[in-house]
């Protein structure tokens, strides 16, 4: 998964965005609180990640594959 995280960073993801993306890909859907706790980040940081995903149209792809 480290390799995937590095690839995501190379294509423009921030380090935090890449960590969350890989975490979700590995573990599947989770609540905001579970993700924030699992990655030792604030819920605000995670909500920012969600906004970035919506802007990059990644979120709709994730939701359609659930």
Protein backbone atom coordinates (compact mmCIF):
# COMPACT_ATOMS: atom_id res chain seq x y z
CA UNK A 1 0.00 0.00 0.00
CA UNK A 2 2.96 2.30 0.52
CA UNK A 3 3.67 2.09 -3.21
CA UNK A 4 0.10 3.11 -4.03
CA UNK A 5 0.30 6.02 -1.60
CA UNK A 6 3.48 7.26 -3.30
CA UNK A 7 1.85 6.99 -6.74
CA UNK A 8 -1.13 9.03 -5.51
CA UNK A 9 1.22 11.69 -4.15
CA UNK A 10 3.07 11.78 -7.49
CA UNK A 11 -0.18 12.49 -9.35
CA UNK A 12 -1.12 15.38 -7.09
CA UNK A 13 -2.67 14.01 -3.91
CA UNK A 14 -1.46 15.54 -0.68
CA UNK A 15 0.17 13.16 1.78
CA UNK A 16 -2.97 13.25 3.94
CA UNK A 17 -5.31 12.69 0.98
CA UNK A 18 -3.25 9.70 -0.15
CA UNK A 19 -3.25 8.20 3.36
CA UNK A 20 -7.04 8.47 3.62
CA UNK A 21 -7.62 7.13 0.12
CA UNK A 22 -5.45 4.06 0.78
CA UNK A 23 -7.05 3.56 4.21
CA UNK A 24 -10.52 3.53 2.64
CA UNK A 25 -9.41 1.28 -0.22
CA UNK A 26 -8.00 -1.21 2.28
CA UNK A 27 -10.76 -1.14 4.86
CA UNK A 28 -13.88 -0.20 2.96
CA UNK A 29 -16.54 2.27 4.07
CA UNK A 30 -16.13 3.75 7.55
CA UNK A 31 -17.62 6.58 9.55
CA UNK A 32 -15.88 9.96 9.73
CA UNK A 33 -15.05 9.31 13.38
CA UNK A 34 -13.57 5.85 12.66
CA UNK A 35 -11.39 7.22 9.87
CA UNK A 36 -10.22 10.20 11.90
CA UNK A 37 -9.37 7.91 14.83
CA UNK A 38 -7.73 5.24 12.67
CA UNK A 39 -5.49 7.77 10.94
CA UNK A 40 -4.95 9.96 13.99
CA UNK A 41 -6.37 13.03 12.29
CA UNK A 42 -9.13 15.44 13.11
CA UNK A 43 -12.62 15.04 11.70
CA UNK A 44 -12.12 18.47 10.11
CA UNK A 45 -9.08 17.19 8.18
CA UNK A 46 -11.13 14.24 6.95
CA UNK A 47 -14.03 16.46 5.90
CA UNK A 48 -11.54 18.55 3.91
CA UNK A 49 -10.42 15.34 2.20
CA UNK A 50 -14.04 14.63 1.25
CA UNK A 51 -14.36 18.10 -0.26
CA UNK A 52 -11.19 17.58 -2.31
CA UNK A 53 -12.53 14.23 -3.55
CA UNK A 54 -15.79 15.83 -4.63
CA UNK A 55 -13.88 18.55 -6.49
CA UNK A 56 -11.72 15.95 -8.24
CA UNK A 57 -14.83 13.84 -8.90
CA UNK A 58 -13.24 10.90 -7.07
CA UNK A 59 -15.99 10.67 -4.51
CA UNK A 60 -18.71 9.88 -7.03
CA UNK A 61 -16.53 7.06 -8.39
CA UNK A 62 -16.05 5.68 -4.89
CA UNK A 63 -19.74 5.88 -4.11
CA UNK A 64 -20.80 4.24 -7.34
CA UNK A 65 -18.54 1.24 -6.62
CA UNK A 66 -19.85 0.60 -3.09
